[in-house]
Amino acid sequence: MLNVLQREKGMLKKATFAVMAILLVVPLIMIGCGSGGGSADPIELVPQRANLVGMIDLSPLLSDNDFADIYDRLPKKSQDPQTLSDALDRVREQIGIDLRQFGEGVFFGDVSESGDNGGYFGFIVKGDFNRDDLTSAIETRAGIDLSIIEYKGYEIYTDGNETSALSFLSNEMLVIGGMVPVKDVIQVKEGDRAALSGEVLDTYNELGNALMKVESVIPESRRGVLPSLSDGSSIDLSSFADVEKGGLVLAKEGQTISLKVKLYFTNSKSAESAGRLVSLAQIFTDRLPIPEQGRALVPELLKKLKVNTSGTLLTISIEMTASEIGDMIDSSNSS
């Protein structure tokens, strides 16, 4: 979707809400706060249609001193915000919204759909936000006038094409995304549509407690879409065509930060082949789209990578203390 926005300036107005949703989930430019009680858990409002669901718990992620220190020590250009606090202030200045207002967020989608209108994607956010400030900021930054339509007793703010939408579900919760998924969430809230259940939700819950987690069950129509290396290499990536579902978890316990990716394949042969390829990742770093500032850091991180295959499940994980990450960043900065 971002590539479409870059090619056509006119698409900005049509995709305003999707862009805002993307901004809300970028962890290094956001900080959350708790909201009042009495609100439903956002995951309970995700429609059954979703085959992708994720959660980001912003408050512990971005109020944590260890994460702030890691951001502050990362390599940056001189014009970039040099501290996390500066980054938050920069975002507030640029988009006119204080992102500190937002708390826990759940995003969902149907990965079998795509298109100029962003496909089927939504974001349910808990927080302490001001309705007028938020809608005014969207109008100002996107250069549009929002209209309001009534739907099942809720006001939906939308663009002129009624393709994107924003609705306040309560004083502490909003949903933002395409018109169809926003209406679907309202229907779930009112008991007129089934909430998410079954394999997607079960696998999502199995990921456990986390600062951020994402789970997706890949429809058969989308399987076989393979990543490509920037140099047109003949490396065989065909085993990844057999991934049927996958999850990602970012967690922190004490000073230990862990990142885990779980890929479920249709057969054990493909899982083993993909695992061997991931184990050789250090060989391919020069072919990956890594920003110049991070090229010295990535090889060191890959040395910490653990790869485990068990039947049709491939688990890729890395676990380090905040101090280890900070020392690694400092070492790469001086190299």
Foldseek 3Di string as FASTA:
>chain_A
DVVVCVVDVVLCLLALLVVVQVVLPPQLQAAEDDDDPDDDDVLLLAFQQFQKKKKAFRHCQPVPPLNQLLQLLFDDDPPDDNTSVSSNVVVCVQQVANRHFWGMKMKTFHVVFQDSNGHGIKMKTFGQGDPVSVQVSSCVNSVFDWDWDDDPNWTWTAGPVQQWTKTAPDNGMIMTGTNVSRNSSVCSVVVNGHRHDDDSVVVQVVVDDANMKMKGFDDLVPAPPFDAWQVRDPDDPRLRSFFGMKMWGWHDDDQKTKIKIKTFGPWQVSLVVVLVVLLVVLVCLVRDPDPPSCSLLVSVQSVQWDWDGDTRMIMIMGMDGSVVSSVSSVVSVVD
